[in-house]
Amino acid sequence: MKLNVTINGEEKVLDIHPKDMLLDVLRDEGFSGVKRGCSTGDCGACACIVAGKAVNTCILFAAQCQNAQITTIEGIGNPKAPSPVQKEITDAGGAQCGFCVPGIVVSATALIDENPEPTVEEIREALDGNLCRCTGYVKIVKAILSASKKK
């Protein structure tokens, strides 16, 4: 089937199978920041913003995204021009191994886009689906709170 989507601002028409997961379609398109972690929607490493909401792409059929706006980590920032969330997480030392960071940045960005002044509790709730095995989340939450004040 043909899937019409906009990924990071670029309109695309992709040939997909109706059973393809969005994670696989994005990876096939070269978006390597979308990580395969658990394949069950539990870790958040594959998170992207779809229609304004952070979603786990490993449990979302690509076909469900017909005509959707999709933002991957590659559409949020880069080393030369990091987003406020990326910059604050880096500055705060909130990233260690880096595997979970794209999903955390995506979830935090979706939260701040929807709620520019989140509380610590709202940040923790938004990150509830993002598993990080290296940090205690303290620096990450603090960084996101700081980034929300700079947006």
N, C-alpha and C. Protein backbone atom coordinates (compact mmCIF):
# COMPACT_ATOMS: atom_id res chain seq x y z
N MET A 1 0.84 -1.18 0.00
CA MET A 1 0.00 0.00 0.00
C MET A 1 0.88 1.24 0.00
N LYS A 2 0.31 2.35 -0.39
CA LYS A 2 1.01 3.63 -0.39
C LYS A 2 0.70 4.36 0.91
N LEU A 3 1.75 4.83 1.57
CA LEU A 3 1.60 5.59 2.81
C LEU A 3 2.06 7.02 2.54
N ASN A 4 1.15 7.95 2.70
CA ASN A 4 1.46 9.37 2.55
C ASN A 4 1.70 9.95 3.94
N VAL A 5 2.92 10.42 4.17
CA VAL A 5 3.28 10.99 5.47
C VAL A 5 4.20 12.18 5.25
N THR A 6 4.32 12.98 6.28
CA THR A 6 5.31 14.04 6.31
C THR A 6 6.26 13.71 7.44
N ILE A 7 7.52 13.47 7.12
CA ILE A 7 8.52 13.12 8.12
C ILE A 7 9.52 14.26 8.23
N ASN A 8 9.59 14.83 9.41
CA ASN A 8 10.50 15.95 9.66
C ASN A 8 10.33 17.05 8.62
N GLY A 9 9.07 17.32 8.27
CA GLY A 9 8.75 18.39 7.34
C GLY A 9 8.82 18.04 5.88
N GLU A 10 9.22 16.82 5.55
CA GLU A 10 9.33 16.40 4.16
C GLU A 10 8.22 15.42 3.81
N GLU A 11 7.44 15.78 2.80
CA GLU A 11 6.35 14.89 2.36
C GLU A 11 6.93 13.67 1.66
N LYS A 12 6.38 12.51 2.00
CA LYS A 12 6.86 11.26 1.42
C LYS A 12 5.68 10.38 1.07
N VAL A 13 5.86 9.58 0.02
CA VAL A 13 4.93 8.51 -0.33
C VAL A 13 5.75 7.23 -0.28
N LEU A 14 5.40 6.36 0.66
CA LEU A 14 6.19 5.15 0.90
C LEU A 14 5.38 3.91 0.53
N ASP A 15 6.05 2.93 -0.03
CA ASP A 15 5.43 1.63 -0.28
C ASP A 15 5.62 0.78 0.96
N ILE A 16 4.53 0.39 1.59
CA ILE A 16 4.61 -0.41 2.81
C ILE A 16 3.65 -1.58 2.72
N HIS A 17 3.86 -2.55 3.58
CA HIS A 17 2.92 -3.64 3.77
C HIS A 17 2.00 -3.21 4.92
N PRO A 18 0.72 -3.52 4.87
CA PRO A 18 -0.19 -3.09 5.94
C PRO A 18 0.22 -3.53 7.35
N LYS A 19 1.04 -4.58 7.45
CA LYS A 19 1.45 -5.06 8.77
C LYS A 19 2.80 -4.48 9.23
N ASP A 20 3.41 -3.60 8.43
CA ASP A 20 4.69 -3.01 8.82
C ASP A 20 4.52 -2.09 10.02
N MET A 21 5.43 -2.21 10.94
CA MET A 21 5.43 -1.31 12.09
C MET A 21 6.12 -0.01 11.69
N LEU A 22 5.69 1.09 12.28
CA LEU A 22 6.27 2.39 11.94
C LEU A 22 7.77 2.40 12.22
N LEU A 23 8.21 1.76 13.28
CA LEU A 23 9.64 1.69 13.59
C LEU A 23 10.43 1.15 12.40
N ASP A 24 9.98 0.05 11.83
CA ASP A 24 10.69 -0.58 10.72
C ASP A 24 10.69 0.32 9.47
N VAL A 25 9.57 0.96 9.21
CA VAL A 25 9.48 1.86 8.05
C VAL A 25 10.45 3.02 8.22
N LEU A 26 10.48 3.62 9.40
CA LEU A 26 11.38 4.75 9.64
C LEU A 26 12.84 4.32 9.54
N ARG A 27 13.18 3.19 10.12
CA ARG A 27 14.57 2.70 10.03
C ARG A 27 14.95 2.42 8.58
N ASP A 28 14.03 1.83 7.81
CA ASP A 28 14.28 1.57 6.40
C ASP A 28 14.49 2.86 5.61
N GLU A 29 13.89 3.95 6.08
CA GLU A 29 14.04 5.24 5.43
C GLU A 29 15.30 5.98 5.90
N GLY A 30 16.07 5.35 6.78
CA GLY A 30 17.34 5.93 7.20
C GLY A 30 17.32 6.72 8.50
N PHE A 31 16.22 6.68 9.22
CA PHE A 31 16.13 7.39 10.49
C PHE A 31 16.67 6.50 11.62
N SER A 32 17.98 6.52 11.77
CA SER A 32 18.64 5.63 12.72
C SER A 32 18.50 6.07 14.17
N GLY A 33 18.02 7.28 14.42
CA GLY A 33 17.80 7.73 15.79
C GLY A 33 16.61 7.05 16.44
N VAL A 34 15.77 6.42 15.65
CA VAL A 34 14.64 5.65 16.15
C VAL A 34 15.18 4.27 16.49
N LYS A 35 15.31 3.97 17.77
CA LYS A 35 15.99 2.75 18.22
C LYS A 35 15.02 1.60 18.47
N ARG A 36 15.47 0.40 18.16
CA ARG A 36 14.71 -0.80 18.53
C ARG A 36 15.20 -1.24 19.90
N GLY A 37 14.32 -1.16 20.86
CA GLY A 37 14.67 -1.57 22.21
C GLY A 37 13.95 -2.86 22.58
N CYS A 38 12.68 -2.73 22.90
CA CYS A 38 11.94 -3.86 23.43
C CYS A 38 10.98 -4.51 22.44
N SER A 39 10.52 -3.79 21.46
CA SER A 39 9.51 -4.23 20.49
C SER A 39 8.15 -4.53 21.13
N THR A 40 7.95 -4.03 22.36
CA THR A 40 6.67 -4.25 23.05
C THR A 40 6.07 -2.95 23.58
N GLY A 41 6.69 -1.82 23.27
CA GLY A 41 6.17 -0.53 23.71
C GLY A 41 6.49 -0.18 25.15
N ASP A 42 7.48 -0.85 25.73
CA ASP A 42 7.79 -0.64 27.14
C ASP A 42 8.96 0.30 27.42
N CYS A 43 9.88 0.49 26.45
CA CYS A 43 11.11 1.21 26.79
C CYS A 43 11.20 2.63 26.24
N GLY A 44 10.48 2.95 25.19
CA GLY A 44 10.48 4.31 24.65
C GLY A 44 11.65 4.65 23.76
N ALA A 45 12.55 3.70 23.49
CA ALA A 45 13.71 3.99 22.64
C ALA A 45 13.30 4.32 21.21
N CYS A 46 12.11 3.89 20.81
CA CYS A 46 11.64 4.09 19.45
C CYS A 46 10.68 5.27 19.32
N ALA A 47 10.57 6.08 20.35
CA ALA A 47 9.57 7.15 20.36
C ALA A 47 9.78 8.17 19.25
N CYS A 48 8.67 8.58 18.67
CA CYS A 48 8.60 9.66 17.69
C CYS A 48 7.34 10.46 18.01
N ILE A 49 7.27 11.64 17.45
CA ILE A 49 6.06 12.44 17.59
C ILE A 49 5.21 12.19 16.35
N VAL A 50 4.00 11.71 16.57
CA VAL A 50 3.05 11.46 15.49
C VAL A 50 1.79 12.26 15.80
N ALA A 51 1.45 13.16 14.90
CA ALA A 51 0.28 14.01 15.07
C ALA A 51 0.31 14.73 16.42
N GLY A 52 1.51 15.18 16.81
CA GLY A 52 1.65 15.97 18.02
C GLY A 52 1.83 15.21 19.32
N LYS A 53 1.78 13.90 19.27
CA LYS A 53 1.91 13.08 20.48
C LYS A 53 3.11 12.15 20.39
N ALA A 54 3.80 11.97 21.49
CA ALA A 54 4.90 11.00 21.54
C ALA A 54 4.29 9.60 21.56
N VAL A 55 4.77 8.76 20.64
CA VAL A 55 4.26 7.38 20.54
C VAL A 55 5.43 6.42 20.40
N ASN A 56 5.22 5.20 20.82
CA ASN A 56 6.20 4.14 20.63
C ASN A 56 5.94 3.51 19.27
N THR A 57 6.89 3.70 18.36
CA THR A 57 6.70 3.26 16.98
C THR A 57 6.80 1.76 16.80
N CYS A 58 7.30 1.06 17.81
CA CYS A 58 7.43 -0.40 17.69
C CYS A 58 6.09 -1.11 17.82
N ILE A 59 5.07 -0.40 18.31
CA ILE A 59 3.74 -1.01 18.47
C ILE A 59 2.68 -0.25 17.68
N LEU A 60 3.13 0.57 16.72
CA LEU A 60 2.20 1.34 15.90
C LEU A 60 2.37 0.92 14.45
N PHE A 61 1.28 0.44 13.85
CA PHE A 61 1.34 0.09 12.44
C PHE A 61 1.56 1.37 11.63
N ALA A 62 2.46 1.30 10.69
CA ALA A 62 2.72 2.46 9.83
C ALA A 62 1.43 2.90 9.11
N ALA A 63 0.61 1.94 8.74
CA ALA A 63 -0.64 2.25 8.03
C ALA A 63 -1.57 3.14 8.85
N GLN A 64 -1.43 3.13 10.16
CA GLN A 64 -2.24 3.99 11.02
C GLN A 64 -1.81 5.45 10.93
N CYS A 65 -0.72 5.70 10.25
CA CYS A 65 -0.16 7.06 10.17
C CYS A 65 -0.45 7.74 8.84
N GLN A 66 -1.40 7.22 8.10
CA GLN A 66 -1.74 7.82 6.81
C GLN A 66 -1.99 9.31 6.97
N ASN A 67 -1.30 10.12 6.19
CA ASN A 67 -1.41 11.59 6.17
C ASN A 67 -0.94 12.27 7.46
N ALA A 68 -0.20 11.56 8.28
CA ALA A 68 0.25 12.12 9.57
C ALA A 68 1.55 12.91 9.42
N GLN A 69 1.74 13.82 10.37
CA GLN A 69 3.00 14.53 10.54
C GLN A 69 3.81 13.72 11.54
N ILE A 70 5.01 13.32 11.16
CA ILE A 70 5.88 12.52 12.03
C ILE A 70 7.18 13.29 12.25
N THR A 71 7.59 13.36 13.51
CA THR A 71 8.88 13.98 13.82
C THR A 71 9.74 12.97 14.56
N THR A 72 10.90 12.69 13.99
CA THR A 72 11.87 11.80 14.63
C THR A 72 12.89 12.68 15.35
N ILE A 73 13.80 12.08 16.06
CA ILE A 73 14.85 12.84 16.74
C ILE A 73 15.65 13.65 15.73
N GLU A 74 15.80 13.13 14.51
CA GLU A 74 16.55 13.86 13.48
C GLU A 74 15.88 15.17 13.09
N GLY A 75 14.58 15.28 13.34
CA GLY A 75 13.85 16.50 13.02
C GLY A 75 13.77 17.48 14.18
N ILE A 76 14.35 17.12 15.31
CA ILE A 76 14.28 17.98 16.50
C ILE A 76 15.52 18.84 16.64
N GLY A 77 16.67 18.31 16.38
CA GLY A 77 17.90 19.07 16.50
C GLY A 77 19.07 18.23 16.04
N ASN A 78 20.24 18.84 16.02
CA ASN A 78 21.45 18.13 15.62
C ASN A 78 22.63 18.70 16.40
N PRO A 79 23.79 18.09 16.28
CA PRO A 79 24.94 18.56 17.06
C PRO A 79 25.30 20.03 16.84
N LYS A 80 25.09 20.54 15.65
CA LYS A 80 25.41 21.94 15.37
C LYS A 80 24.31 22.89 15.85
N ALA A 81 23.08 22.42 15.88
CA ALA A 81 21.95 23.23 16.31
C ALA A 81 21.02 22.39 17.19
N PRO A 82 21.46 22.10 18.42
CA PRO A 82 20.63 21.27 19.30
C PRO A 82 19.37 22.01 19.75
N SER A 83 18.33 21.24 19.99
CA SER A 83 17.10 21.82 20.54
C SER A 83 17.38 22.20 22.00
N PRO A 84 16.53 23.01 22.61
CA PRO A 84 16.72 23.34 24.02
C PRO A 84 16.78 22.09 24.92
N VAL A 85 15.95 21.11 24.62
CA VAL A 85 15.95 19.87 25.43
C VAL A 85 17.28 19.15 25.28
N GLN A 86 17.76 19.01 24.05
CA GLN A 86 19.04 18.34 23.82
C GLN A 86 20.18 19.07 24.53
N LYS A 87 20.20 20.37 24.39
CA LYS A 87 21.27 21.16 25.01
C LYS A 87 21.25 21.03 26.52
N GLU A 88 20.09 21.14 27.12
CA GLU A 88 19.99 21.06 28.58
C GLU A 88 20.35 19.68 29.11
N ILE A 89 19.91 18.62 28.42
CA ILE A 89 20.25 17.27 28.86
C ILE A 89 21.76 17.07 28.79
N THR A 90 22.37 17.55 27.72
CA THR A 90 23.82 17.44 27.56
C THR A 90 24.54 18.23 28.65
N ASP A 91 24.14 19.48 28.83
CA ASP A 91 24.78 20.36 29.82
C ASP A 91 24.63 19.83 31.24
N ALA A 92 23.50 19.19 31.51
CA ALA A 92 23.24 18.68 32.87
C ALA A 92 23.90 17.33 33.13
N GLY A 93 24.48 16.73 32.10
CA GLY A 93 25.06 15.39 32.27
C GLY A 93 23.98 14.33 32.39
N GLY A 94 22.85 14.56 31.74
CA GLY A 94 21.73 13.64 31.82
C GLY A 94 21.79 12.49 30.84
N ALA A 95 22.82 12.47 29.99
CA ALA A 95 22.97 11.38 29.02
C ALA A 95 24.21 10.58 29.37
N GLN A 96 24.07 9.28 29.40
CA GLN A 96 25.24 8.44 29.65
C GLN A 96 25.50 7.56 28.44
N CYS A 97 24.88 6.42 28.32
CA CYS A 97 25.18 5.57 27.17
C CYS A 97 24.57 6.13 25.89
N GLY A 98 23.48 6.87 25.99
CA GLY A 98 22.87 7.52 24.85
C GLY A 98 21.79 6.73 24.15
N PHE A 99 21.60 5.47 24.47
CA PHE A 99 20.61 4.66 23.76
C PHE A 99 19.19 5.19 23.96
N CYS A 100 18.85 5.60 25.16
CA CYS A 100 17.50 6.05 25.46
C CYS A 100 17.27 7.52 25.16
N VAL A 101 18.35 8.27 24.99
CA VAL A 101 18.25 9.72 24.89
C VAL A 101 17.35 10.20 23.75
N PRO A 102 17.43 9.64 22.54
CA PRO A 102 16.52 10.12 21.51
C PRO A 102 15.04 10.02 21.92
N GLY A 103 14.66 8.91 22.49
CA GLY A 103 13.27 8.75 22.92
C GLY A 103 12.89 9.71 24.03
N ILE A 104 13.81 9.96 24.94
CA ILE A 104 13.55 10.91 26.02
C ILE A 104 13.40 12.32 25.46
N VAL A 105 14.28 12.69 24.54
CA VAL A 105 14.20 14.02 23.93
C VAL A 105 12.88 14.18 23.17
N VAL A 106 12.48 13.15 22.45
CA VAL A 106 11.22 13.19 21.71
C VAL A 106 10.05 13.35 22.68
N SER A 107 10.01 12.56 23.74
CA SER A 107 8.91 12.65 24.71
C SER A 107 8.87 14.01 25.39
N ALA A 108 10.04 14.52 25.76
CA ALA A 108 10.12 15.83 26.42
C ALA A 108 9.70 16.94 25.46
N THR A 109 10.11 16.84 24.21
CA THR A 109 9.75 17.85 23.22
C THR A 109 8.25 17.87 22.99
N ALA A 110 7.64 16.70 22.88
CA ALA A 110 6.18 16.63 22.70
C ALA A 110 5.48 17.24 23.91
N LEU A 111 5.98 16.97 25.10
CA LEU A 111 5.38 17.54 26.31
C LEU A 111 5.46 19.06 26.28
N ILE A 112 6.65 19.59 26.02
CA ILE A 112 6.84 21.05 26.05
C ILE A 112 6.05 21.72 24.93
N ASP A 113 5.94 21.06 23.79
CA ASP A 113 5.12 21.62 22.71
C ASP A 113 3.66 21.75 23.13
N GLU A 114 3.19 20.76 23.88
CA GLU A 114 1.80 20.76 24.33
C GLU A 114 1.60 21.60 25.60
N ASN A 115 2.59 21.59 26.47
CA ASN A 115 2.51 22.27 27.76
C ASN A 115 3.84 22.99 28.01
N PRO A 116 3.96 24.25 27.60
CA PRO A 116 5.24 24.95 27.69
C PRO A 116 5.79 25.15 29.11
N GLU A 117 4.96 24.96 30.12
CA GLU A 117 5.42 25.14 31.50
C GLU A 117 5.05 23.92 32.35
N PRO A 118 5.63 22.77 32.03
CA PRO A 118 5.27 21.56 32.79
C PRO A 118 5.86 21.58 34.20
N THR A 119 5.16 20.92 35.09
CA THR A 119 5.67 20.73 36.45
C THR A 119 6.59 19.52 36.46
N VAL A 120 7.30 19.33 37.54
CA VAL A 120 8.15 18.16 37.69
C VAL A 120 7.31 16.89 37.57
N GLU A 121 6.13 16.89 38.16
CA GLU A 121 5.26 15.73 38.10
C GLU A 121 4.82 15.44 36.67
N GLU A 122 4.51 16.49 35.91
CA GLU A 122 4.11 16.30 34.51
C GLU A 122 5.27 15.79 33.66
N ILE A 123 6.47 16.25 33.95
CA ILE A 123 7.65 15.75 33.24
C ILE A 123 7.85 14.28 33.54
N ARG A 124 7.77 13.92 34.81
CA ARG A 124 7.93 12.52 35.19
C ARG A 124 6.87 11.63 34.52
N GLU A 125 5.65 12.13 34.45
CA GLU A 125 4.58 11.37 33.80
C GLU A 125 4.86 11.22 32.30
N ALA A 126 5.34 12.29 31.66
CA ALA A 126 5.64 12.22 30.22
C ALA A 126 6.77 11.24 29.93
N LEU A 127 7.69 11.09 30.88
CA LEU A 127 8.82 10.17 30.71
C LEU A 127 8.53 8.77 31.22
N ASP A 128 7.34 8.53 31.70
CA ASP A 128 6.98 7.25 32.29
C ASP A 128 7.23 6.09 31.34
N GLY A 129 7.10 6.31 30.04
CA GLY A 129 7.31 5.24 29.07
C GLY A 129 8.73 5.16 28.52
N ASN A 130 9.66 5.92 29.11
CA ASN A 130 11.05 5.92 28.65
C ASN A 130 11.93 5.28 29.71
N LEU A 131 12.49 4.14 29.36
CA LEU A 131 13.35 3.41 30.28
C LEU A 131 14.81 3.79 30.07
N CYS A 132 15.45 4.22 31.14
CA CYS A 132 16.87 4.53 31.11
C CYS A 132 17.52 3.70 32.21
N ARG A 133 18.51 2.92 31.83
CA ARG A 133 19.16 2.04 32.81
C ARG A 133 20.42 2.65 33.40
N CYS A 134 20.85 3.79 32.87
CA CYS A 134 22.13 4.37 33.30
C CYS A 134 21.99 5.50 34.31
N THR A 135 20.89 6.24 34.26
CA THR A 135 20.76 7.41 35.13
C THR A 135 19.65 7.19 36.15
N GLY A 136 19.55 8.11 37.04
CA GLY A 136 18.46 8.08 38.02
C GLY A 136 17.35 9.05 37.66
N TYR A 137 17.36 9.58 36.44
CA TYR A 137 16.37 10.50 35.91
C TYR A 137 16.42 11.90 36.54
N VAL A 138 17.12 12.09 37.64
CA VAL A 138 17.13 13.37 38.33
C VAL A 138 17.67 14.47 37.41
N LYS A 139 18.81 14.24 36.79
CA LYS A 139 19.39 15.24 35.90
C LYS A 139 18.54 15.44 34.65
N ILE A 140 17.94 14.38 34.18
CA ILE A 140 17.09 14.48 32.98
C ILE A 140 15.88 15.34 33.28
N VAL A 141 15.20 15.10 34.37
CA VAL A 141 14.01 15.87 34.74
C VAL A 141 14.39 17.34 34.96
N LYS A 142 15.49 17.56 35.65
CA LYS A 142 15.96 18.93 35.89
C LYS A 142 16.27 19.63 34.56
N ALA A 143 16.88 18.93 33.64
CA ALA A 143 17.23 19.49 32.33
C ALA A 143 15.97 19.84 31.54
N ILE A 144 14.96 18.99 31.57
CA ILE A 144 13.74 19.25 30.84
C ILE A 144 13.00 20.45 31.44
N LEU A 145 13.00 20.53 32.75
CA LEU A 145 12.39 21.68 33.41
C LEU A 145 13.10 22.97 32.98
N SER A 146 14.41 22.94 32.94
CA SER A 146 15.19 24.09 32.51
C SER A 146 14.91 24.42 31.04
N ALA A 147 14.85 23.41 30.19
CA ALA A 147 14.59 23.63 28.76
C ALA A 147 13.21 24.25 28.54
N SER A 148 12.23 23.87 29.35
CA SER A 148 10.89 24.42 29.19
C SER A 148 10.87 25.91 29.48
N LYS A 149 11.73 26.36 30.32
CA LYS A 149 11.81 27.78 30.66
C LYS A 149 12.51 28.59 29.57
N LYS A 150 13.24 27.91 28.69
CA LYS A 150 13.99 28.58 27.63
C LYS A 150 13.30 28.55 26.28
N LYS A 151 12.18 27.87 26.22
CA LYS A 151 11.50 27.71 24.93
C LYS A 151 10.64 28.89 24.62
